[in-house]
Every structure is written in C-alpha cells, then in structure tokens.
PDB file of N, CA and C in Angstrom:
ATOM      1  N   UNK A   1      82.576  75.601  78.920  1.00  0.00           N
ATOM      2  CA  UNK A   1      83.488  76.618  80.060  1.00  0.00           C
ATOM      3  C   UNK A   1      82.443  77.704  79.305  1.00  0.00           C
ATOM      4  N   UNK A   2      82.260  78.599  80.244  1.00  0.00           N
ATOM      5  CA  UNK A   2      81.486  80.627  80.513  1.00  0.00           C
ATOM      6  C   UNK A   2      82.984  81.031  78.981  1.00  0.00           C
ATOM      7  N   UNK A   3      81.969  82.028  78.673  1.00  0.00           N
ATOM      8  CA  UNK A   3      82.872  82.942  77.770  1.00  0.00           C
ATOM      9  C   UNK A   3      82.138  84.475  78.087  1.00  0.00           C
ATOM     10  N   UNK A   4      81.414  84.614  79.212  1.00  0.00           N
ATOM     11  CA  UNK A   4      81.525  86.320  79.615  1.00  0.00           C
ATOM     12  C   UNK A   4      81.553  85.861  80.836  1.00  0.00           C
ATOM     13  N   UNK A   5      82.251  86.902  81.731  1.00  0.00           N
ATOM     14  CA  UNK A   5      82.172  86.623  83.358  1.00  0.00           C
ATOM     15  C   UNK A   5      80.842  86.320  83.887  1.00  0.00           C
ATOM     16  N   UNK A   6      81.016  86.028  84.923  1.00  0.00           N
ATOM     17  CA  UNK A   6      79.662  85.908  85.580  1.00  0.00           C
ATOM     18  C   UNK A   6      79.271  87.248  86.459  1.00  0.00           C
ATOM     19  N   UNK A   7      77.917  86.614  87.004  1.00  0.00           N
ATOM     20  CA  UNK A   7      77.305  88.109  87.097  1.00  0.00           C
ATOM     21  C   UNK A   7      77.692  88.913  88.432  1.00  0.00           C
ATOM     22  N   UNK A   8      78.718  89.690  88.288  1.00  0.00           N
ATOM     23  CA  UNK A   8      79.173  90.227  90.225  1.00  0.00           C
ATOM     24  C   UNK A   8      80.273  90.130  89.990  1.00  0.00           C
ATOM     25  N   UNK A   9      81.143  89.788  89.876  1.00  0.00           N
ATOM     26  CA  UNK A   9      82.337  89.686  88.917  1.00  0.00           C
ATOM     27  C   UNK A   9      82.934  91.606  88.858  1.00  0.00           C
ATOM     28  N   UNK A  10      83.597  91.660  89.581  1.00  0.00           N
ATOM     29  CA  UNK A  10      83.937  93.356  89.359  1.00  0.00           C
ATOM     30  C   UNK A  10      85.973  93.285  89.655  1.00  0.00           C
ATOM     31  N   UNK A  11      86.237  93.946  88.962  1.00  0.00           N
ATOM     32  CA  UNK A  11      88.052  94.102  88.836  1.00  0.00           C
ATOM     33  C   UNK A  11      88.760  95.199  89.645  1.00  0.00           C
ATOM     34  N   UNK A  12      87.919  96.188  90.480  1.00  0.00           N
ATOM     35  CA  UNK A  12      87.732  97.360  90.605  1.00  0.00           C
ATOM     36  C   UNK A  12      87.474  96.677  92.416  1.00  0.00           C
ATOM     37  N   UNK A  13      87.235  98.060  93.215  1.00  0.00           N
ATOM     38  CA  UNK A  13      87.162  97.095  94.902  1.00  0.00           C
ATOM     39  C   UNK A  13      88.207  97.303  95.708  1.00  0.00           C
ATOM     40  N   UNK A  14      89.457  98.124  95.412  1.00  0.00           N
ATOM     41  CA  UNK A  14      90.512  97.554  96.346  1.00  0.00           C
ATOM     42  C   UNK A  14      90.849  98.478  96.792  1.00  0.00           C
ATOM     43  N   UNK A  15      91.700  98.901  98.012  1.00  0.00           N
ATOM     44  CA  UNK A  15      92.010  99.877  98.375  1.00  0.00           C
ATOM     45  C   UNK A  15      93.364  99.625  99.148  1.00  0.00           C
ATOM     46  N   UNK A  16      94.716 100.490  99.228  1.00  0.00           N
ATOM     47  CA  UNK A  16      95.767 100.236 100.113  1.00  0.00           C
ATOM     48  C   UNK A  16      94.994 100.703 101.654  1.00  0.00           C
ATOM     49  N   UNK A  17      95.663 100.819 103.028  1.00  0.00           N
ATOM     50  CA  UNK A  17      95.555 100.884 104.086  1.00  0.00           C
ATOM     51  C   UNK A  17      96.751 102.219 103.713  1.00  0.00           C
ATOM     52  N   UNK A  18      96.187 102.924 104.974  1.00  0.00           N
ATOM     53  CA  UNK A  18      97.280 104.036 104.550  1.00  0.00           C
ATOM     54  C   UNK A  18      98.443 104.131 105.468  1.00  0.00           C
ATOM     55  N   UNK A  19      99.110 105.211 104.507  1.00  0.00           N
ATOM     56  CA  UNK A  19     100.767 105.018 105.273  1.00  0.00           C
ATOM     57  C   UNK A  19     101.350 105.768 106.052  1.00  0.00           C
ATOM     58  N   UNK A  20      99.965 106.884 107.167  1.00  0.00           N
ATOM     59  CA  UNK A  20     100.113 107.511 108.110  1.00  0.00           C
ATOM     60  C   UNK A  20     101.590 108.186 108.153  1.00  0.00           C
ATOM     61  N   UNK A  21     102.001 108.632 106.905  1.00  0.00           N
ATOM     62  CA  UNK A  21     103.247 109.963 106.575  1.00  0.00           C
ATOM     63  C   UNK A  21     102.998 111.214 107.248  1.00  0.00           C
ATOM     64  N   UNK A  22     104.066 111.763 107.501  1.00  0.00           N
ATOM     65  CA  UNK A  22     103.605 113.201 107.789  1.00  0.00           C
ATOM     66  C   UNK A  22     104.242 112.955 109.183  1.00  0.00           C
ATOM     67  N   UNK A  23     104.722 114.845 109.656  1.00  0.00           N
ATOM     68  CA  UNK A  23     105.610 115.263 110.546  1.00  0.00           C
ATOM     69  C   UNK A  23     104.224 114.682 112.076  1.00  0.00           C
ATOM     70  N   UNK A  24     105.118 113.780 112.785  1.00  0.00           N
ATOM     71  CA  UNK A  24     105.515 112.930 114.294  1.00  0.00           C
ATOM     72  C   UNK A  24     105.186 113.952 115.458  1.00  0.00           C
ATOM     73  N   UNK A  25     106.344 114.406 115.946  1.00  0.00           N
ATOM     74  CA  UNK A  25     107.385 115.615 116.313  1.00  0.00           C
ATOM     75  C   UNK A  25     107.132 116.831 116.427  1.00  0.00           C
ATOM     76  N   UNK A  26     106.511 117.700 116.656  1.00  0.00           N
ATOM     77  CA  UNK A  26     106.553 119.341 115.681  1.00  0.00           C
ATOM     78  C   UNK A  26     107.003 120.170 116.581  1.00  0.00           C
ATOM     79  N   UNK A  27     108.221 121.245 116.435  1.00  0.00           N
ATOM     80  CA  UNK A  27     108.692 121.993 116.550  1.00  0.00           C
ATOM     81  C   UNK A  27     108.201 122.603 117.997  1.00  0.00           C
ATOM     82  N   UNK A  28     109.848 122.394 119.458  1.00  0.00           N
ATOM     83  CA  UNK A  28     109.364 123.006 120.875  1.00  0.00           C
ATOM     84  C   UNK A  28     109.275 121.580 121.338  1.00  0.00           C
ATOM     85  N   UNK A  29     109.000 120.800 120.501  1.00  0.00           N
ATOM     86  CA  UNK A  29     108.481 119.184 121.639  1.00  0.00           C
ATOM     87  C   UNK A  29     110.304 118.725 121.932  1.00  0.00           C
ATOM     88  N   UNK A  30     110.079 118.583 123.148  1.00  0.00           N
ATOM     89  CA  UNK A  30     111.562 117.857 123.776  1.00  0.00           C
ATOM     90  C   UNK A  30     111.484 116.295 123.199  1.00  0.00           C
ATOM     91  N   UNK A  31     113.248 115.775 122.840  1.00  0.00           N
ATOM     92  CA  UNK A  31     113.072 114.190 122.116  1.00  0.00           C
ATOM     93  C   UNK A  31     113.617 113.774 122.649  1.00  0.00           C
ATOM     94  N   UNK A  32     113.351 112.330 122.574  1.00  0.00           N
ATOM     95  CA  UNK A  32     115.147 111.308 123.186  1.00  0.00           C
ATOM     96  C   UNK A  32     115.952 111.229 122.032  1.00  0.00           C
ATOM     97  N   UNK A  33     117.422 110.748 122.249  1.00  0.00           N
ATOM     98  CA  UNK A  33     117.477 110.046 120.398  1.00  0.00           C
ATOM     99  C   UNK A  33     116.927 108.690 119.637  1.00  0.00           C
ATOM    100  N   UNK A  34     116.931 109.099 118.822  1.00  0.00           N
ATOM    101  CA  UNK A  34     115.860 107.456 118.198  1.00  0.00           C
ATOM    102  C   UNK A  34     114.524 108.080 117.748  1.00  0.00           C
ATOM    103  N   UNK A  35     113.533 109.256 118.809  1.00  0.00           N
ATOM    104  CA  UNK A  35     112.383 109.717 118.557  1.00  0.00           C
ATOM    105  C   UNK A  35     112.306 109.450 116.852  1.00  0.00           C
ATOM    106  N   UNK A  36     111.201 109.534 116.596  1.00  0.00           N
ATOM    107  CA  UNK A  36     110.843 109.349 114.552  1.00  0.00           C
ATOM    108  C   UNK A  36     110.391 111.035 115.276  1.00  0.00           C
ATOM    109  N   UNK A  37     111.318 112.156 113.984  1.00  0.00           N
ATOM    110  CA  UNK A  37     110.965 113.109 114.164  1.00  0.00           C
ATOM    111  C   UNK A  37     109.520 113.826 112.626  1.00  0.00           C
ATOM    112  N   UNK A  38     109.795 112.401 111.715  1.00  0.00           N
ATOM    113  CA  UNK A  38     109.403 112.952 110.418  1.00  0.00           C
ATOM    114  C   UNK A  38     108.810 111.749 109.454  1.00  0.00           C
ATOM    115  N   UNK A  39     108.106 110.582 109.274  1.00  0.00           N
ATOM    116  CA  UNK A  39     107.446 109.841 107.730  1.00  0.00           C
ATOM    117  C   UNK A  39     107.776 110.621 106.678  1.00  0.00           C
ATOM    118  N   UNK A  40     108.376 110.170 105.829  1.00  0.00           N
ATOM    119  CA  UNK A  40     108.142 110.988 104.369  1.00  0.00           C
ATOM    120  C   UNK A  40     107.882 109.782 102.581  1.00  0.00           C
ATOM    121  N   UNK A  41     108.106 110.815 102.334  1.00  0.00           N
ATOM    122  CA  UNK A  41     108.369 109.304 100.947  1.00  0.00           C
ATOM    123  C   UNK A  41     109.051 110.746  99.882  1.00  0.00           C
ATOM    124  N   UNK A  42     110.631 110.359  99.768  1.00  0.00           N
ATOM    125  CA  UNK A  42     111.387 111.154  99.553  1.00  0.00           C
ATOM    126  C   UNK A  42     111.808 111.996 100.273  1.00  0.00           C
ATOM    127  N   UNK A  43     112.699 112.992 100.287  1.00  0.00           N
ATOM    128  CA  UNK A  43     113.211 114.509 101.279  1.00  0.00           C
ATOM    129  C   UNK A  43     112.115 115.425 100.443  1.00  0.00           C
ATOM    130  N   UNK A  44     110.990 115.262 101.566  1.00  0.00           N
ATOM    131  CA  UNK A  44     110.213 116.713 101.593  1.00  0.00           C
ATOM    132  C   UNK A  44     111.037 117.734 102.907  1.00  0.00           C
ATOM    133  N   UNK A  45     111.325 117.061 103.591  1.00  0.00           N
ATOM    134  CA  UNK A  45     112.418 117.949 104.784  1.00  0.00           C
ATOM    135  C   UNK A  45     113.370 117.601 105.174  1.00  0.00           C
ATOM    136  N   UNK A  46     114.404 117.497 105.108  1.00  0.00           N
ATOM    137  CA  UNK A  46     116.187 117.561 104.964  1.00  0.00           C
ATOM    138  C   UNK A  46     116.675 117.348 106.914  1.00  0.00           C
ATOM    139  N   UNK A  47     117.490 116.571 106.600  1.00  0.00           N
ATOM    140  CA  UNK A  47     118.302 116.430 107.754  1.00  0.00           C
ATOM    141  C   UNK A  47     118.954 117.603 108.666  1.00  0.00           C
ATOM    142  N   UNK A  48     118.849 118.076 109.571  1.00  0.00           N
ATOM    143  CA  UNK A  48     120.082 119.751 109.673  1.00  0.00           C
ATOM    144  C   UNK A  48     120.703 118.831 111.228  1.00  0.00           C
ATOM    145  N   UNK A  49     121.112 119.182 112.105  1.00  0.00           N
ATOM    146  CA  UNK A  49     122.418 119.529 112.985  1.00  0.00           C
ATOM    147  C   UNK A  49     121.423 117.887 113.991  1.00  0.00           C
ATOM    148  N   UNK A  50     121.865 117.530 114.266  1.00  0.00           N
ATOM    149  CA  UNK A  50     121.669 115.956 115.075  1.00  0.00           C
ATOM    150  C   UNK A  50     120.511 115.695 114.365  1.00  0.00           C
ATOM    151  N   UNK A  51     119.506 115.074 113.445  1.00  0.00           N
ATOM    152  CA  UNK A  51     119.210 114.831 113.065  1.00  0.00           C
ATOM    153  C   UNK A  51     119.614 113.576 111.867  1.00  0.00           C
ATOM    154  N   UNK A  52     119.023 112.723 111.731  1.00  0.00           N
ATOM    155  CA  UNK A  52     119.665 110.821 111.453  1.00  0.00           C
ATOM    156  C   UNK A  52     118.345 110.904 110.261  1.00  0.00           C
ATOM    157  N   UNK A  53     118.666 110.154 108.738  1.00  0.00           N
ATOM    158  CA  UNK A  53     117.645 109.875 108.166  1.00  0.00           C
ATOM    159  C   UNK A  53     117.735 108.476 107.920  1.00  0.00           C
ATOM    160  N   UNK A  54     116.757 107.516 107.544  1.00  0.00           N
ATOM    161  CA  UNK A  54     116.718 105.926 107.493  1.00  0.00           C
ATOM    162  C   UNK A  54     116.297 105.887 105.798  1.00  0.00           C
ATOM    163  N   UNK A  55     116.891 104.598 105.564  1.00  0.00           N
ATOM    164  CA  UNK A  55     116.682 104.129 104.393  1.00  0.00           C
ATOM    165  C   UNK A  55     115.138 104.078 103.612  1.00  0.00           C
ATOM    166  N   UNK A  56     113.891 105.010 104.608  1.00  0.00           N
ATOM    167  CA  UNK A  56     112.748 104.778 103.601  1.00  0.00           C
ATOM    168  C   UNK A  56     112.763 106.818 104.048  1.00  0.00           C
ATOM    169  N   UNK A  57     113.776 106.820 104.267  1.00  0.00           N
ATOM    170  CA  UNK A  57     113.648 109.066 104.898  1.00  0.00           C
ATOM    171  C   UNK A  57     113.194 109.179 105.796  1.00  0.00           C
ATOM    172  N   UNK A  58     112.928 108.544 106.503  1.00  0.00           N
ATOM    173  CA  UNK A  58     112.363 109.143 107.788  1.00  0.00           C
ATOM    174  C   UNK A  58     113.289 109.711 108.604  1.00  0.00           C
ATOM    175  N   UNK A  59     113.046 110.007 109.240  1.00  0.00           N
ATOM    176  CA  UNK A  59     114.063 111.488 110.438  1.00  0.00           C
ATOM    177  C   UNK A  59     113.675 111.318 111.808  1.00  0.00           C
ATOM    178  N   UNK A  60     115.003 111.194 111.903  1.00  0.00           N
ATOM    179  CA  UNK A  60     114.736 110.956 113.319  1.00  0.00           C
ATOM    180  C   UNK A  60     116.072 111.697 114.694  1.00  0.00           C
ATOM    181  N   UNK A  61     115.873 111.487 115.737  1.00  0.00           N
ATOM    182  CA  UNK A  61     116.483 112.053 116.377  1.00  0.00           C
ATOM    183  C   UNK A  61     117.585 111.367 116.847  1.00  0.00           C
ATOM    184  N   UNK A  62     119.355 112.071 117.092  1.00  0.00           N
ATOM    185  CA  UNK A  62     120.765 111.199 116.588  1.00  0.00           C
ATOM    186  C   UNK A  62     120.814 111.954 118.480  1.00  0.00           C
ATOM    187  N   UNK A  63     119.936 113.753 119.044  1.00  0.00           N
ATOM    188  CA  UNK A  63     120.202 113.771 120.421  1.00  0.00           C
ATOM    189  C   UNK A  63     119.404 114.784 121.107  1.00  0.00           C
ATOM    190  N   UNK A  64     119.458 114.142 122.782  1.00  0.00           N
ATOM    191  CA  UNK A  64     118.632 114.088 123.444  1.00  0.00           C
ATOM    192  C   UNK A  64     118.466 115.733 122.879  1.00  0.00           C
ATOM    193  N   UNK A  65     117.529 116.844 123.212  1.00  0.00           N
ATOM    194  CA  UNK A  65     116.525 118.202 122.421  1.00  0.00           C
ATOM    195  C   UNK A  65     115.937 118.335 122.379  1.00  0.00           C
ATOM    196  N   UNK A  66     114.933 119.682 122.429  1.00  0.00           N
ATOM    197  CA  UNK A  66     114.392 119.926 120.864  1.00  0.00           C
ATOM    198  C   UNK A  66     114.743 120.136 120.352  1.00  0.00           C
ATOM    199  N   UNK A  67     112.984 119.761 118.854  1.00  0.00           N
ATOM    200  CA  UNK A  67     113.181 120.318 117.853  1.00  0.00           C
ATOM    201  C   UNK A  67     112.323 121.190 117.664  1.00  0.00           C
ATOM    202  N   UNK A  68     113.730 121.745 116.348  1.00  0.00           N
ATOM    203  CA  UNK A  68     113.561 122.962 115.084  1.00  0.00           C
ATOM    204  C   UNK A  68     113.153 122.930 113.606  1.00  0.00           C
ATOM    205  N   UNK A  69     112.150 123.336 113.928  1.00  0.00           N
ATOM    206  CA  UNK A  69     112.078 123.480 112.003  1.00  0.00           C
ATOM    207  C   UNK A  69     113.006 124.635 111.182  1.00  0.00           C
ATOM    208  N   UNK A  70     113.941 125.140 110.588  1.00  0.00           N
ATOM    209  CA  UNK A  70     113.659 126.419 110.177  1.00  0.00           C
ATOM    210  C   UNK A  70     112.943 127.518 109.185  1.00  0.00           C
ATOM    211  N   UNK A  71     113.329 128.721 109.744  1.00  0.00           N
ATOM    212  CA  UNK A  71     112.065 129.555 108.985  1.00  0.00           C
ATOM    213  C   UNK A  71     111.899 128.377 107.303  1.00  0.00           C
ATOM    214  N   UNK A  72     112.832 127.985 106.639  1.00  0.00           N
ATOM    215  CA  UNK A  72     112.262 127.698 105.449  1.00  0.00           C
ATOM    216  C   UNK A  72     111.579 126.840 105.541  1.00  0.00           C
ATOM    217  N   UNK A  73     111.878 126.384 106.812  1.00  0.00           N
ATOM    218  CA  UNK A  73     110.564 124.675 106.854  1.00  0.00           C
ATOM    219  C   UNK A  73     110.827 123.713 107.122  1.00  0.00           C
ATOM    220  N   UNK A  74     111.796 123.696 106.271  1.00  0.00           N
ATOM    221  CA  UNK A  74     112.208 122.221 105.013  1.00  0.00           C
ATOM    222  C   UNK A  74     113.910 121.156 105.968  1.00  0.00           C
ATOM    223  N   UNK A  75     114.366 121.656 106.409  1.00  0.00           N
ATOM    224  CA  UNK A  75     115.433 121.811 107.483  1.00  0.00           C
ATOM    225  C   UNK A  75     114.728 121.346 109.131  1.00  0.00           C
ATOM    226  N   UNK A  76     114.966 120.124 109.774  1.00  0.00           N
ATOM    227  CA  UNK A  76     114.642 120.059 110.758  1.00  0.00           C
ATOM    228  C   UNK A  76     115.867 119.434 112.061  1.00  0.00           C
ATOM    229  N   UNK A  77     115.970 120.285 112.772  1.00  0.00           N
ATOM    230  CA  UNK A  77     117.060 120.146 113.610  1.00  0.00           C
ATOM    231  C   UNK A  77     116.393 119.925 115.200  1.00  0.00           C
ATOM    232  N   UNK A  78     117.843 119.061 115.888  1.00  0.00           N
ATOM    233  CA  UNK A  78     117.142 118.788 117.058  1.00  0.00           C
ATOM    234  C   UNK A  78     118.901 120.151 118.322  1.00  0.00           C
ATOM    235  N   UNK A  79     117.963 121.000 118.844  1.00  0.00           N
ATOM    236  CA  UNK A  79     118.593 121.684 119.519  1.00  0.00           C
ATOM    237  C   UNK A  79     119.046 121.149 120.814  1.00  0.00           C
ATOM    238  N   UNK A  80     120.144 120.840 121.139  1.00  0.00           N
ATOM    239  CA  UNK A  80     120.635 119.893 121.976  1.00  0.00           C
ATOM    240  C   UNK A  80     119.923 120.373 123.866  1.00  0.00           C
ATOM    241  N   UNK A  81     120.107 119.740 124.867  1.00  0.00           N
ATOM    242  CA  UNK A  81     118.860 120.587 125.774  1.00  0.00           C
ATOM    243  C   UNK A  81     120.068 121.002 126.575  1.00  0.00           C
ATOM    244  N   UNK A  82     121.554 121.364 126.626  1.00  0.00           N
ATOM    245  CA  UNK A  82     122.521 121.566 127.131  1.00  0.00           C
ATOM    246  C   UNK A  82     122.786 122.894 126.789  1.00  0.00           C
ATOM    247  N   UNK A  83     122.770 123.052 124.766  1.00  0.00           N
ATOM    248  CA  UNK A  83     122.794 123.635 124.657  1.00  0.00           C
ATOM    249  C   UNK A  83     121.437 125.241 124.212  1.00  0.00           C
ATOM    250  N   UNK A  84     119.932 124.326 124.413  1.00  0.00           N
ATOM    251  CA  UNK A  84     119.170 125.179 124.644  1.00  0.00           C
ATOM    252  C   UNK A  84     119.371 125.817 125.862  1.00  0.00           C
ATOM    253  N   UNK A  85     119.865 125.854 126.761  1.00  0.00           N
ATOM    254  CA  UNK A  85     119.656 126.197 128.367  1.00  0.00           C
ATOM    255  C   UNK A  85     120.826 127.248 128.765  1.00  0.00           C
ATOM    256  N   UNK A  86     122.424 127.034 127.540  1.00  0.00           N
ATOM    257  CA  UNK A  86     123.064 127.946 128.104  1.00  0.00           C
ATOM    258  C   UNK A  86     122.281 129.017 126.883  1.00  0.00           C
ATOM    259  N   UNK A  87     121.474 128.831 125.502  1.00  0.00           N
ATOM    260  CA  UNK A  87     121.449 130.095 124.648  1.00  0.00           C
ATOM    261  C   UNK A  87     120.185 130.761 125.375  1.00  0.00           C
ATOM    262  N   UNK A  88     118.856 130.477 126.624  1.00  0.00           N
ATOM    263  CA  UNK A  88     118.307 131.058 127.419  1.00  0.00           C
ATOM    264  C   UNK A  88     118.917 132.055 128.624  1.00  0.00           C
ATOM    265  N   UNK A  89     119.796 131.388 129.024  1.00  0.00           N
ATOM    266  CA  UNK A  89     120.787 131.870 129.866  1.00  0.00           C
ATOM    267  C   UNK A  89     121.448 133.692 129.690  1.00  0.00           C
TER     268      UNK A  89
END
C-alpha cells in the first residue's frame, strides 16, 4: 500500500461547461408566444408587460409582439403587435 500519490495524479484540471446565459432576443425584435427573451441566474432583468418568468428566472414572451427594454434597461416588455401598429398610426 503506497503512502504517496503516484506520478501524474492531480486534483485540478476540470472546468464546467458554460451555461449560455444572457439576452437572447434584443429590443425591437418581433417575438411569438413562448420565445425566450433572457436566460439569467437571479433577476438581473425583471418581467414587464406580457413577459413571464420561469423557475430558473428565464424571461419569456406571453404574447406576440415586439421586445422593448425600459430606459433603465432592467425591465423587459413585449409590446403587442396590434398595440404597436396603433401607436405608429
């Protein structure tokens, strides 16, 4: 029974795979119901109008429309397509 570790035995050398977090759908982009808007850990971004939040804090669209980030940049909204058309008229 050896009392010393053999040559080449190391405890380091592992790394976890990246989780691909971040904004997936940027402002001004059209989306449909269920589209993922932001993948995050914790609530860096908060859900606004027509945006839901998943168990893992993922933000997703609850309605068809266009993504809009508030001026502060921390609240994500989906402006419905019909409402967006009326606003421009």
